[in-house]
């Protein structure tokens, strides 16, 4: 079981991504978020790495979306991440967002249950 996290700066892609999750029969939760980079720039704190991003951030909306999904099957995870990468042009444009996947060791509260491993103590 895997946790997929996508920080989406290009919020205009949100509807297409929601549709893709629906088509793949994968649940996802979307949360409004804001990165610390924008906050630092708003407070005129100079950090060399952020200086080069100023033009990217200044022209965009200050908020982004955090999409979280728990996916049981590794094959489905690969399909979903490949579709996300394709939709976001393989993250080739700086600042479009970033994605990472982590293992889920335990899960509670899902309507289908969250069996991970029966032999985990």
PDB file of N, CA and C in Angstrom:
ATOM      1  N   UNK A   1       0.848  -1.166   0.000  1.00  0.00           N
ATOM      2  CA  UNK A   1       0.000   0.000   0.000  1.00  0.00           C
ATOM      3  C   UNK A   1       0.898   1.234   0.000  1.00  0.00           C
ATOM      4  N   UNK A   2       0.475   2.255  -0.746  1.00  0.00           N
ATOM      5  CA  UNK A   2       1.321   3.427  -0.972  1.00  0.00           C
ATOM      6  C   UNK A   2       0.535   4.716  -0.762  1.00  0.00           C
ATOM      7  N   UNK A   3       1.215   5.720  -0.237  1.00  0.00           N
ATOM      8  CA  UNK A   3       0.644   7.057  -0.126  1.00  0.00           C
ATOM      9  C   UNK A   3       1.246   7.929  -1.209  1.00  0.00           C
ATOM     10  N   UNK A   4       0.397   8.473  -2.062  1.00  0.00           N
ATOM     11  CA  UNK A   4       0.837   9.357  -3.133  1.00  0.00           C
ATOM     12  C   UNK A   4       0.523  10.790  -2.718  1.00  0.00           C
ATOM     13  N   UNK A   5       1.500  11.664  -2.817  1.00  0.00           N
ATOM     14  CA  UNK A   5       1.344  13.073  -2.482  1.00  0.00           C
ATOM     15  C   UNK A   5       1.735  13.906  -3.697  1.00  0.00           C
ATOM     16  N   UNK A   6       0.858  14.783  -4.110  1.00  0.00           N
ATOM     17  CA  UNK A   6       1.122  15.660  -5.248  1.00  0.00           C
ATOM     18  C   UNK A   6       0.853  17.094  -4.823  1.00  0.00           C
ATOM     19  N   UNK A   7       1.896  17.922  -4.824  1.00  0.00           N
ATOM     20  CA  UNK A   7       1.736  19.349  -4.600  1.00  0.00           C
ATOM     21  C   UNK A   7       1.592  19.966  -5.978  1.00  0.00           C
ATOM     22  N   UNK A   8       0.416  20.490  -6.247  1.00  0.00           N
ATOM     23  CA  UNK A   8       0.082  20.988  -7.576  1.00  0.00           C
ATOM     24  C   UNK A   8       0.039  22.503  -7.565  1.00  0.00           C
ATOM     25  N   UNK A   9       1.003  23.128  -8.213  1.00  0.00           N
ATOM     26  CA  UNK A   9       1.017  24.576  -8.328  1.00  0.00           C
ATOM     27  C   UNK A   9       0.150  25.054  -9.486  1.00  0.00           C
ATOM     28  N   UNK A  10       0.073  24.270 -10.539  1.00  0.00           N
ATOM     29  CA  UNK A  10      -0.765  24.619 -11.696  1.00  0.00           C
ATOM     30  C   UNK A  10      -2.181  24.131 -11.409  1.00  0.00           C
ATOM     31  N   UNK A  11      -2.935  24.949 -10.669  1.00  0.00           N
ATOM     32  CA  UNK A  11      -4.257  24.517 -10.220  1.00  0.00           C
ATOM     33  C   UNK A  11      -5.252  24.364 -11.364  1.00  0.00           C
ATOM     34  N   UNK A  12      -4.908  24.863 -12.539  1.00  0.00           N
ATOM     35  CA  UNK A  12      -5.791  24.702 -13.690  1.00  0.00           C
ATOM     36  C   UNK A  12      -5.819  23.257 -14.186  1.00  0.00           C
ATOM     37  N   UNK A  13      -4.894  22.438 -13.710  1.00  0.00           N
ATOM     38  CA  UNK A  13      -4.856  21.013 -14.063  1.00  0.00           C
ATOM     39  C   UNK A  13      -5.673  20.158 -13.080  1.00  0.00           C
ATOM     40  N   UNK A  14      -6.228  20.771 -12.061  1.00  0.00           N
ATOM     41  CA  UNK A  14      -6.892  20.023 -10.997  1.00  0.00           C
ATOM     42  C   UNK A  14      -8.067  19.192 -11.504  1.00  0.00           C
ATOM     43  N   UNK A  15      -8.924  19.758 -12.318  1.00  0.00           N
ATOM     44  CA  UNK A  15     -10.093  19.015 -12.815  1.00  0.00           C
ATOM     45  C   UNK A  15      -9.683  17.784 -13.620  1.00  0.00           C
ATOM     46  N   UNK A  16      -8.677  17.932 -14.476  1.00  0.00           N
ATOM     47  CA  UNK A  16      -8.214  16.797 -15.263  1.00  0.00           C
ATOM     48  C   UNK A  16      -7.646  15.698 -14.364  1.00  0.00           C
ATOM     49  N   UNK A  17      -6.934  16.097 -13.323  1.00  0.00           N
ATOM     50  CA  UNK A  17      -6.365  15.113 -12.410  1.00  0.00           C
ATOM     51  C   UNK A  17      -7.457  14.412 -11.605  1.00  0.00           C
ATOM     52  N   UNK A  18      -8.455  15.164 -11.154  1.00  0.00           N
ATOM     53  CA  UNK A  18      -9.574  14.532 -10.449  1.00  0.00           C
ATOM     54  C   UNK A  18     -10.271  13.516 -11.347  1.00  0.00           C
ATOM     55  N   UNK A  19     -10.455  13.872 -12.605  1.00  0.00           N
ATOM     56  CA  UNK A  19     -11.089  12.960 -13.562  1.00  0.00           C
ATOM     57  C   UNK A  19     -10.257  11.688 -13.727  1.00  0.00           C
ATOM     58  N   UNK A  20      -8.934  11.831 -13.775  1.00  0.00           N
ATOM     59  CA  UNK A  20      -8.056  10.679 -13.920  1.00  0.00           C
ATOM     60  C   UNK A  20      -8.157   9.766 -12.698  1.00  0.00           C
ATOM     61  N   UNK A  21      -8.169  10.330 -11.485  1.00  0.00           N
ATOM     62  CA  UNK A  21      -8.324   9.521 -10.287  1.00  0.00           C
ATOM     63  C   UNK A  21      -9.649   8.755 -10.332  1.00  0.00           C
ATOM     64  N   UNK A  22     -10.714   9.430 -10.778  1.00  0.00           N
ATOM     65  CA  UNK A  22     -12.022   8.790 -10.896  1.00  0.00           C
ATOM     66  C   UNK A  22     -11.973   7.629 -11.886  1.00  0.00           C
ATOM     67  N   UNK A  23     -11.374   7.868 -13.053  1.00  0.00           N
ATOM     68  CA  UNK A  23     -11.286   6.820 -14.081  1.00  0.00           C
ATOM     69  C   UNK A  23     -10.477   5.617 -13.593  1.00  0.00           C
ATOM     70  N   UNK A  24      -9.476   5.859 -12.773  1.00  0.00           N
ATOM     71  CA  UNK A  24      -8.645   4.773 -12.235  1.00  0.00           C
ATOM     72  C   UNK A  24      -9.266   4.142 -10.992  1.00  0.00           C
ATOM     73  N   UNK A  25     -10.433   4.634 -10.592  1.00  0.00           N
ATOM     74  CA  UNK A  25     -11.133   4.138  -9.405  1.00  0.00           C
ATOM     75  C   UNK A  25     -10.259   4.225  -8.159  1.00  0.00           C
ATOM     76  N   UNK A  26      -9.602   5.379  -8.017  1.00  0.00           N
ATOM     77  CA  UNK A  26      -8.728   5.650  -6.884  1.00  0.00           C
ATOM     78  C   UNK A  26      -9.278   6.880  -6.173  1.00  0.00           C
ATOM     79  N   UNK A  27      -9.420   6.773  -4.875  1.00  0.00           N
ATOM     80  CA  UNK A  27      -9.848   7.925  -4.097  1.00  0.00           C
ATOM     81  C   UNK A  27      -8.708   8.905  -3.906  1.00  0.00           C
ATOM     82  N   UNK A  28      -9.056  10.156  -3.708  1.00  0.00           N
ATOM     83  CA  UNK A  28      -8.049  11.186  -3.463  1.00  0.00           C
ATOM     84  C   UNK A  28      -8.698  12.316  -2.681  1.00  0.00           C
ATOM     85  N   UNK A  29      -7.918  12.957  -1.865  1.00  0.00           N
ATOM     86  CA  UNK A  29      -8.353  14.123  -1.108  1.00  0.00           C
ATOM     87  C   UNK A  29      -7.502  15.301  -1.545  1.00  0.00           C
ATOM     88  N   UNK A  30      -8.154  16.435  -1.792  1.00  0.00           N
ATOM     89  CA  UNK A  30      -7.449  17.642  -2.215  1.00  0.00           C
ATOM     90  C   UNK A  30      -7.582  18.701  -1.128  1.00  0.00           C
ATOM     91  N   UNK A  31      -6.451  19.284  -0.758  1.00  0.00           N
ATOM     92  CA  UNK A  31      -6.387  20.270   0.321  1.00  0.00           C
ATOM     93  C   UNK A  31      -5.731  21.534  -0.217  1.00  0.00           C
ATOM     94  N   UNK A  32      -6.279  22.703   0.136  1.00  0.00           N
ATOM     95  CA  UNK A  32      -5.614  23.966  -0.193  1.00  0.00           C
ATOM     96  C   UNK A  32      -4.332  24.053   0.628  1.00  0.00           C
ATOM     97  N   UNK A  33      -3.253  24.500  -0.012  1.00  0.00           N
ATOM     98  CA  UNK A  33      -1.979  24.597   0.694  1.00  0.00           C
ATOM     99  C   UNK A  33      -1.192  25.797   0.182  1.00  0.00           C
ATOM    100  N   UNK A  34      -0.161  26.140   0.927  1.00  0.00           N
ATOM    101  CA  UNK A  34       0.733  27.232   0.533  1.00  0.00           C
ATOM    102  C   UNK A  34       2.134  26.855   0.954  1.00  0.00           C
ATOM    103  N   UNK A  35       3.070  26.964   0.037  1.00  0.00           N
ATOM    104  CA  UNK A  35       4.455  26.637   0.340  1.00  0.00           C
ATOM    105  C   UNK A  35       5.161  27.756   1.072  1.00  0.00           C
ATOM    106  N   UNK A  36       6.167  27.407   1.813  1.00  0.00           N
ATOM    107  CA  UNK A  36       6.930  28.387   2.582  1.00  0.00           C
ATOM    108  C   UNK A  36       7.713  29.328   1.674  1.00  0.00           C
ATOM    109  N   UNK A  37       8.050  28.864   0.466  1.00  0.00           N
ATOM    110  CA  UNK A  37       8.770  29.727  -0.473  1.00  0.00           C
ATOM    111  C   UNK A  37       8.007  31.011  -0.752  1.00  0.00           C
ATOM    112  N   UNK A  38       6.720  30.917  -0.957  1.00  0.00           N
ATOM    113  CA  UNK A  38       5.898  32.099  -1.210  1.00  0.00           C
ATOM    114  C   UNK A  38       5.878  33.015   0.012  1.00  0.00           C
ATOM    115  N   UNK A  39       5.788  32.437   1.189  1.00  0.00           N
ATOM    116  CA  UNK A  39       5.765  33.223   2.420  1.00  0.00           C
ATOM    117  C   UNK A  39       7.077  33.978   2.583  1.00  0.00           C
ATOM    118  N   UNK A  40       8.202  33.287   2.338  1.00  0.00           N
ATOM    119  CA  UNK A  40       9.505  33.946   2.459  1.00  0.00           C
ATOM    120  C   UNK A  40       9.640  35.083   1.460  1.00  0.00           C
ATOM    121  N   UNK A  41       9.178  34.872   0.240  1.00  0.00           N
ATOM    122  CA  UNK A  41       9.235  35.932  -0.756  1.00  0.00           C
ATOM    123  C   UNK A  41       8.352  37.103  -0.369  1.00  0.00           C
ATOM    124  N   UNK A  42       7.185  36.833   0.182  1.00  0.00           N
ATOM    125  CA  UNK A  42       6.279  37.906   0.620  1.00  0.00           C
ATOM    126  C   UNK A  42       6.897  38.748   1.724  1.00  0.00           C
ATOM    127  N   UNK A  43       7.767  38.145   2.518  1.00  0.00           N
ATOM    128  CA  UNK A  43       8.429  38.865   3.604  1.00  0.00           C
ATOM    129  C   UNK A  43       9.804  39.387   3.186  1.00  0.00           C
ATOM    130  N   UNK A  44      10.092  39.308   1.904  1.00  0.00           N
ATOM    131  CA  UNK A  44      11.340  39.821   1.326  1.00  0.00           C
ATOM    132  C   UNK A  44      12.576  39.237   1.995  1.00  0.00           C
ATOM    133  N   UNK A  45      12.519  37.963   2.308  1.00  0.00           N
ATOM    134  CA  UNK A  45      13.673  37.258   2.866  1.00  0.00           C
ATOM    135  C   UNK A  45      14.452  36.681   1.694  1.00  0.00           C
ATOM    136  N   UNK A  46      15.703  37.069   1.585  1.00  0.00           N
ATOM    137  CA  UNK A  46      16.514  36.625   0.456  1.00  0.00           C
ATOM    138  C   UNK A  46      17.207  35.311   0.766  1.00  0.00           C
ATOM    139  N   UNK A  47      16.847  34.321   0.010  1.00  0.00           N
ATOM    140  CA  UNK A  47      17.519  33.025   0.033  1.00  0.00           C
ATOM    141  C   UNK A  47      17.921  32.765  -1.410  1.00  0.00           C
ATOM    142  N   UNK A  48      19.205  32.512  -1.671  1.00  0.00           N
ATOM    143  CA  UNK A  48      19.663  32.378  -3.064  1.00  0.00           C
ATOM    144  C   UNK A  48      18.809  31.445  -3.917  1.00  0.00           C
ATOM    145  N   UNK A  49      18.406  30.320  -3.371  1.00  0.00           N
ATOM    146  CA  UNK A  49      17.610  29.376  -4.149  1.00  0.00           C
ATOM    147  C   UNK A  49      16.265  29.988  -4.541  1.00  0.00           C
ATOM    148  N   UNK A  50      15.679  30.777  -3.655  1.00  0.00           N
ATOM    149  CA  UNK A  50      14.365  31.363  -3.932  1.00  0.00           C
ATOM    150  C   UNK A  50      14.447  32.551  -4.888  1.00  0.00           C
ATOM    151  N   UNK A  51      15.585  33.183  -4.943  1.00  0.00           N
ATOM    152  CA  UNK A  51      15.721  34.338  -5.828  1.00  0.00           C
ATOM    153  C   UNK A  51      15.442  33.955  -7.279  1.00  0.00           C
ATOM    154  N   UNK A  52      15.908  32.791  -7.686  1.00  0.00           N
ATOM    155  CA  UNK A  52      15.676  32.355  -9.064  1.00  0.00           C
ATOM    156  C   UNK A  52      14.232  31.926  -9.286  1.00  0.00           C
ATOM    157  N   UNK A  53      13.542  31.605  -8.223  1.00  0.00           N
ATOM    158  CA  UNK A  53      12.143  31.182  -8.345  1.00  0.00           C
ATOM    159  C   UNK A  53      11.172  32.367  -8.248  1.00  0.00           C
ATOM    160  N   UNK A  54      11.672  33.536  -7.879  1.00  0.00           N
ATOM    161  CA  UNK A  54      10.799  34.692  -7.661  1.00  0.00           C
ATOM    162  C   UNK A  54       9.915  34.972  -8.877  1.00  0.00           C
ATOM    163  N   UNK A  55      10.490  34.947 -10.070  1.00  0.00           N
ATOM    164  CA  UNK A  55       9.702  35.225 -11.273  1.00  0.00           C
ATOM    165  C   UNK A  55       8.614  34.175 -11.473  1.00  0.00           C
ATOM    166  N   UNK A  56       8.936  32.928 -11.171  1.00  0.00           N
ATOM    167  CA  UNK A  56       7.939  31.866 -11.323  1.00  0.00           C
ATOM    168  C   UNK A  56       6.798  32.049 -10.336  1.00  0.00           C
ATOM    169  N   UNK A  57       7.137  32.343  -9.096  1.00  0.00           N
ATOM    170  CA  UNK A  57       6.133  32.441  -8.045  1.00  0.00           C
ATOM    171  C   UNK A  57       5.328  33.724  -8.160  1.00  0.00           C
ATOM    172  N   UNK A  58       5.991  34.839  -8.492  1.00  0.00           N
ATOM    173  CA  UNK A  58       5.296  36.122  -8.549  1.00  0.00           C
ATOM    174  C   UNK A  58       4.149  36.109  -9.541  1.00  0.00           C
ATOM    175  N   UNK A  59       4.285  35.386 -10.643  1.00  0.00           N
ATOM    176  CA  UNK A  59       3.251  35.388 -11.659  1.00  0.00           C
ATOM    177  C   UNK A  59       2.145  34.380 -11.422  1.00  0.00           C
ATOM    178  N   UNK A  60       2.244  33.614 -10.380  1.00  0.00           N
ATOM    179  CA  UNK A  60       1.267  32.551 -10.135  1.00  0.00           C
ATOM    180  C   UNK A  60       0.413  32.883  -8.920  1.00  0.00           C
ATOM    181  N   UNK A  61      -0.652  32.147  -8.790  1.00  0.00           N
ATOM    182  CA  UNK A  61      -1.485  32.279  -7.610  1.00  0.00           C
ATOM    183  C   UNK A  61      -0.665  31.834  -6.393  1.00  0.00           C
ATOM    184  N   UNK A  62      -0.894  32.462  -5.241  1.00  0.00           N
ATOM    185  CA  UNK A  62      -0.057  32.168  -4.079  1.00  0.00           C
ATOM    186  C   UNK A  62      -0.327  30.818  -3.440  1.00  0.00           C
ATOM    187  N   UNK A  63      -1.404  30.179  -3.804  1.00  0.00           N
ATOM    188  CA  UNK A  63      -1.760  28.917  -3.169  1.00  0.00           C
ATOM    189  C   UNK A  63      -1.649  27.776  -4.159  1.00  0.00           C
ATOM    190  N   UNK A  64      -1.487  26.588  -3.617  1.00  0.00           N
ATOM    191  CA  UNK A  64      -1.457  25.398  -4.456  1.00  0.00           C
ATOM    192  C   UNK A  64      -2.408  24.373  -3.864  1.00  0.00           C
ATOM    193  N   UNK A  65      -2.437  23.211  -4.447  1.00  0.00           N
ATOM    194  CA  UNK A  65      -3.302  22.136  -3.983  1.00  0.00           C
ATOM    195  C   UNK A  65      -2.429  20.951  -3.614  1.00  0.00           C
ATOM    196  N   UNK A  66      -2.761  20.308  -2.522  1.00  0.00           N
ATOM    197  CA  UNK A  66      -2.105  19.082  -2.119  1.00  0.00           C
ATOM    198  C   UNK A  66      -3.105  17.956  -2.330  1.00  0.00           C
ATOM    199  N   UNK A  67      -2.758  17.031  -3.198  1.00  0.00           N
ATOM    200  CA  UNK A  67      -3.604  15.870  -3.468  1.00  0.00           C
ATOM    201  C   UNK A  67      -2.965  14.668  -2.790  1.00  0.00           C
ATOM    202  N   UNK A  68      -3.761  13.972  -1.975  1.00  0.00           N
ATOM    203  CA  UNK A  68      -3.293  12.808  -1.240  1.00  0.00           C
ATOM    204  C   UNK A  68      -4.144  11.612  -1.638  1.00  0.00           C
ATOM    205  N   UNK A  69      -3.490  10.503  -1.918  1.00  0.00           N
ATOM    206  CA  UNK A  69      -4.213   9.287  -2.275  1.00  0.00           C
ATOM    207  C   UNK A  69      -3.487   8.086  -1.683  1.00  0.00           C
ATOM    208  N   UNK A  70      -4.260   7.117  -1.207  1.00  0.00           N
ATOM    209  CA  UNK A  70      -3.694   5.853  -0.750  1.00  0.00           C
ATOM    210  C   UNK A  70      -4.096   4.805  -1.780  1.00  0.00           C
ATOM    211  N   UNK A  71      -3.084   4.154  -2.354  1.00  0.00           N
ATOM    212  CA  UNK A  71      -3.297   3.197  -3.442  1.00  0.00           C
ATOM    213  C   UNK A  71      -2.747   1.845  -2.997  1.00  0.00           C
ATOM    214  N   UNK A  72      -3.593   0.832  -3.048  1.00  0.00           N
ATOM    215  CA  UNK A  72      -3.196  -0.498  -2.557  1.00  0.00           C
ATOM    216  C   UNK A  72      -2.239  -1.213  -3.490  1.00  0.00           C
ATOM    217  N   UNK A  73      -2.492  -1.162  -4.772  1.00  0.00           N
ATOM    218  CA  UNK A  73      -1.802  -1.992  -5.756  1.00  0.00           C
ATOM    219  C   UNK A  73      -0.667  -1.235  -6.436  1.00  0.00           C
ATOM    220  N   UNK A  74       0.506  -1.854  -6.524  1.00  0.00           N
ATOM    221  CA  UNK A  74       1.662  -1.197  -7.134  1.00  0.00           C
ATOM    222  C   UNK A  74       1.459  -0.934  -8.620  1.00  0.00           C
ATOM    223  N   UNK A  75       0.789  -1.851  -9.320  1.00  0.00           N
ATOM    224  CA  UNK A  75       0.531  -1.626 -10.747  1.00  0.00           C
ATOM    225  C   UNK A  75      -0.368  -0.417 -10.961  1.00  0.00           C
ATOM    226  N   UNK A  76      -1.393  -0.288 -10.135  1.00  0.00           N
ATOM    227  CA  UNK A  76      -2.285   0.871 -10.243  1.00  0.00           C
ATOM    228  C   UNK A  76      -1.524   2.148  -9.894  1.00  0.00           C
ATOM    229  N   UNK A  77      -0.665   2.074  -8.890  1.00  0.00           N
ATOM    230  CA  UNK A  77       0.165   3.223  -8.525  1.00  0.00           C
ATOM    231  C   UNK A  77       0.989   3.680  -9.724  1.00  0.00           C
ATOM    232  N   UNK A  78       1.620   2.736 -10.418  1.00  0.00           N
ATOM    233  CA  UNK A  78       2.441   3.076 -11.596  1.00  0.00           C
ATOM    234  C   UNK A  78       1.590   3.734 -12.680  1.00  0.00           C
ATOM    235  N   UNK A  79       0.389   3.205 -12.924  1.00  0.00           N
ATOM    236  CA  UNK A  79      -0.499   3.808 -13.932  1.00  0.00           C
ATOM    237  C   UNK A  79      -0.859   5.231 -13.545  1.00  0.00           C
ATOM    238  N   UNK A  80      -1.213   5.425 -12.276  1.00  0.00           N
ATOM    239  CA  UNK A  80      -1.627   6.753 -11.811  1.00  0.00           C
ATOM    240  C   UNK A  80      -0.463   7.736 -11.887  1.00  0.00           C
ATOM    241  N   UNK A  81       0.709   7.352 -11.383  1.00  0.00           N
ATOM    242  CA  UNK A  81       1.846   8.283 -11.428  1.00  0.00           C
ATOM    243  C   UNK A  81       2.261   8.583 -12.864  1.00  0.00           C
ATOM    244  N   UNK A  82       2.196   7.601 -13.744  1.00  0.00           N
ATOM    245  CA  UNK A  82       2.522   7.863 -15.154  1.00  0.00           C
ATOM    246  C   UNK A  82       1.527   8.831 -15.785  1.00  0.00           C
ATOM    247  N   UNK A  83       0.257   8.692 -15.462  1.00  0.00           N
ATOM    248  CA  UNK A  83      -0.749   9.611 -16.009  1.00  0.00           C
ATOM    249  C   UNK A  83      -0.573  11.015 -15.451  1.00  0.00           C
ATOM    250  N   UNK A  84      -0.218  11.121 -14.178  1.00  0.00           N
ATOM    251  CA  UNK A  84       0.047  12.436 -13.591  1.00  0.00           C
ATOM    252  C   UNK A  84       1.243  13.079 -14.278  1.00  0.00           C
ATOM    253  N   UNK A  85       2.320  12.314 -14.439  1.00  0.00           N
ATOM    254  CA  UNK A  85       3.512  12.860 -15.100  1.00  0.00           C
ATOM    255  C   UNK A  85       3.187  13.316 -16.514  1.00  0.00           C
ATOM    256  N   UNK A  86       2.395  12.542 -17.223  1.00  0.00           N
ATOM    257  CA  UNK A  86       2.028  12.925 -18.592  1.00  0.00           C
ATOM    258  C   UNK A  86       1.176  14.194 -18.585  1.00  0.00           C
ATOM    259  N   UNK A  87       0.195  14.256 -17.694  1.00  0.00           N
ATOM    260  CA  UNK A  87      -0.689  15.435 -17.604  1.00  0.00           C
ATOM    261  C   UNK A  87       0.103  16.695 -17.258  1.00  0.00           C
ATOM    262  N   UNK A  88       1.138  16.544 -16.446  1.00  0.00           N
ATOM    263  CA  UNK A  88       1.945  17.694 -16.015  1.00  0.00           C
ATOM    264  C   UNK A  88       3.224  17.836 -16.843  1.00  0.00           C
ATOM    265  N   UNK A  89       3.201  17.256 -18.033  1.00  0.00           N
ATOM    266  CA  UNK A  89       4.316  17.360 -18.968  1.00  0.00           C
ATOM    267  C   UNK A  89       5.630  16.929 -18.317  1.00  0.00           C
ATOM    268  N   UNK A  90       5.533  15.832 -17.565  1.00  0.00           N
ATOM    269  CA  UNK A  90       6.705  15.219 -16.924  1.00  0.00           C
ATOM    270  C   UNK A  90       7.462  16.201 -16.035  1.00  0.00           C
ATOM    271  N   UNK A  91       6.718  17.141 -15.448  1.00  0.00           N
ATOM    272  CA  UNK A  91       7.286  18.126 -14.528  1.00  0.00           C
ATOM    273  C   UNK A  91       8.421  18.915 -15.169  1.00  0.00           C
ATOM    274  N   UNK A  92       8.350  19.091 -16.492  1.00  0.00           N
ATOM    275  CA  UNK A  92       9.430  19.774 -17.204  1.00  0.00           C
ATOM    276  C   UNK A  92       9.419  21.285 -16.970  1.00  0.00           C
ATOM    277  N   UNK A  93       8.274  21.849 -16.674  1.00  0.00           N
ATOM    278  CA  UNK A  93       8.189  23.291 -16.412  1.00  0.00           C
ATOM    279  C   UNK A  93       8.499  23.536 -14.937  1.00  0.00           C
ATOM    280  N   UNK A  94       9.471  24.385 -14.647  1.00  0.00           N
ATOM    281  CA  UNK A  94       9.803  24.653 -13.239  1.00  0.00           C
ATOM    282  C   UNK A  94       8.601  25.226 -12.492  1.00  0.00           C
ATOM    283  N   UNK A  95       8.408  24.743 -11.288  1.00  0.00           N
ATOM    284  CA  UNK A  95       7.357  25.290 -10.448  1.00  0.00           C
ATOM    285  C   UNK A  95       5.974  24.708 -10.661  1.00  0.00           C
ATOM    286  N   UNK A  96       5.818  23.740 -11.563  1.00  0.00           N
ATOM    287  CA  UNK A  96       4.488  23.189 -11.816  1.00  0.00           C
ATOM    288  C   UNK A  96       3.998  22.372 -10.616  1.00  0.00           C
ATOM    289  N   UNK A  97       4.920  21.850  -9.838  1.00  0.00           N
ATOM    290  CA  UNK A  97       4.585  21.074  -8.658  1.00  0.00           C
ATOM    291  C   UNK A  97       5.589  19.964  -8.460  1.00  0.00           C
ATOM    292  N   UNK A  98       5.311  19.113  -7.487  1.00  0.00           N
ATOM    293  CA  UNK A  98       6.154  17.930  -7.312  1.00  0.00           C
ATOM    294  C   UNK A  98       5.330  16.816  -6.670  1.00  0.00           C
ATOM    295  N   UNK A  99       5.814  15.607  -6.845  1.00  0.00           N
ATOM    296  CA  UNK A  99       5.083  14.430  -6.407  1.00  0.00           C
ATOM    297  C   UNK A  99       6.054  13.477  -5.727  1.00  0.00           C
ATOM    298  N   UNK A 100       5.564  12.795  -4.687  1.00  0.00           N
ATOM    299  CA  UNK A 100       6.351  11.736  -4.072  1.00  0.00           C
ATOM    300  C   UNK A 100       5.418  10.643  -3.569  1.00  0.00           C
ATOM    301  N   UNK A 101       5.977   9.458  -3.371  1.00  0.00           N
ATOM    302  CA  UNK A 101       5.228   8.285  -2.931  1.00  0.00           C
ATOM    303  C   UNK A 101       5.950   7.703  -1.725  1.00  0.00           C
ATOM    304  N   UNK A 102       5.170   7.336  -0.712  1.00  0.00           N
ATOM    305  CA  UNK A 102       5.742   6.703   0.479  1.00  0.00           C
ATOM    306  C   UNK A 102       4.974   5.416   0.784  1.00  0.00           C
ATOM    307  N   UNK A 103       5.632   4.455   1.440  1.00  0.00           N
ATOM    308  CA  UNK A 103       4.902   3.241   1.839  1.00  0.00           C
ATOM    309  C   UNK A 103       3.944   3.556   2.986  1.00  0.00           C
ATOM    310  N   UNK A 104       2.795   2.909   2.977  1.00  0.00           N
ATOM    311  CA  UNK A 104       1.822   3.028   4.067  1.00  0.00           C
ATOM    312  C   UNK A 104       1.916   1.746   4.884  1.00  0.00           C
ATOM    313  N   UNK A 105       2.272   1.889   6.139  1.00  0.00           N
ATOM    314  CA  UNK A 105       2.463   0.733   7.004  1.00  0.00           C
ATOM    315  C   UNK A 105       1.156   0.350   7.692  1.00  0.00           C
ATOM    316  N   UNK A 106       0.405   1.344   8.115  1.00  0.00           N
ATOM    317  CA  UNK A 106      -0.884   1.095   8.748  1.00  0.00           C
ATOM    318  C   UNK A 106      -1.892   2.105   8.222  1.00  0.00           C
ATOM    319  N   UNK A 107      -3.159   1.696   8.205  1.00  0.00           N
ATOM    320  CA  UNK A 107      -4.222   2.558   7.692  1.00  0.00           C
ATOM    321  C   UNK A 107      -5.494   2.241   8.465  1.00  0.00           C
ATOM    322  N   UNK A 108      -6.231   3.261   8.865  1.00  0.00           N
ATOM    323  CA  UNK A 108      -7.465   3.063   9.628  1.00  0.00           C
ATOM    324  C   UNK A 108      -8.557   3.963   9.069  1.00  0.00           C
ATOM    325  N   UNK A 109      -9.781   3.496   9.142  1.00  0.00           N
ATOM    326  CA  UNK A 109     -10.913   4.342   8.821  1.00  0.00           C
ATOM    327  C   UNK A 109     -11.440   4.265   7.412  1.00  0.00           C
ATOM    328  N   UNK A 110     -10.860   3.491   6.544  1.00  0.00           N
ATOM    329  CA  UNK A 110     -11.349   3.365   5.184  1.00  0.00           C
ATOM    330  C   UNK A 110     -12.600   2.505   5.173  1.00  0.00           C
ATOM    331  N   UNK A 111     -13.538   2.844   4.289  1.00  0.00           N
ATOM    332  CA  UNK A 111     -14.768   2.058   4.207  1.00  0.00           C
ATOM    333  C   UNK A 111     -14.502   0.625   3.738  1.00  0.00           C
ATOM    334  N   UNK A 112     -13.407   0.416   3.001  1.00  0.00           N
ATOM    335  CA  UNK A 112     -13.048  -0.929   2.529  1.00  0.00           C
ATOM    336  C   UNK A 112     -12.068  -1.611   3.474  1.00  0.00           C
ATOM    337  N   UNK A 113     -11.679  -0.923   4.511  1.00  0.00           N
ATOM    338  CA  UNK A 113     -10.645  -1.463   5.387  1.00  0.00           C
ATOM    339  C   UNK A 113      -9.284  -1.194   4.774  1.00  0.00           C
ATOM    340  N   UNK A 114      -8.272  -1.362   5.564  1.00  0.00           N
ATOM    341  CA  UNK A 114      -6.920  -1.063   5.102  1.00  0.00           C
ATOM    342  C   UNK A 114      -5.984  -2.215   5.396  1.00  0.00           C
ATOM    343  N   UNK A 115      -6.238  -3.387   4.838  1.00  0.00           N
ATOM    344  CA  UNK A 115      -5.300  -4.479   5.107  1.00  0.00           C
ATOM    345  C   UNK A 115      -3.963  -4.190   4.428  1.00  0.00           C
ATOM    346  N   UNK A 116      -2.918  -4.167   5.205  1.00  0.00           N
ATOM    347  CA  UNK A 116      -1.588  -3.943   4.631  1.00  0.00           C
ATOM    348  C   UNK A 116      -0.848  -5.267   4.605  1.00  0.00           C
ATOM    349  N   UNK A 117      -0.487  -5.757   5.729  1.00  0.00           N
ATOM    350  CA  UNK A 117       0.193  -7.051   5.862  1.00  0.00           C
ATOM    351  C   UNK A 117      -0.387  -7.742   7.071  1.00  0.00           C
ATOM    352  N   UNK A 118      -0.842  -8.971   6.921  1.00  0.00           N
ATOM    353  CA  UNK A 118      -1.424  -9.708   8.030  1.00  0.00           C
ATOM    354  C   UNK A 118      -0.397 -10.069   9.096  1.00  0.00           C
ATOM    355  N   UNK A 119       0.864 -10.192   8.700  1.00  0.00           N
ATOM    356  CA  UNK A 119       1.872 -10.647   9.655  1.00  0.00           C
ATOM    357  C   UNK A 119       2.630  -9.496  10.306  1.00  0.00           C
ATOM    358  N   UNK A 120       2.163  -8.258  10.157  1.00  0.00           N
ATOM    359  CA  UNK A 120       2.808  -7.136  10.862  1.00  0.00           C
ATOM    360  C   UNK A 120       2.323  -7.150  12.311  1.00  0.00           C
ATOM    361  N   UNK A 121       3.253  -7.079  13.238  1.00  0.00           N
ATOM    362  CA  UNK A 121       2.885  -7.104  14.651  1.00  0.00           C
ATOM    363  C   UNK A 121       2.937  -5.704  15.192  1.00  0.00           C
TER     364      UNK A 121
END
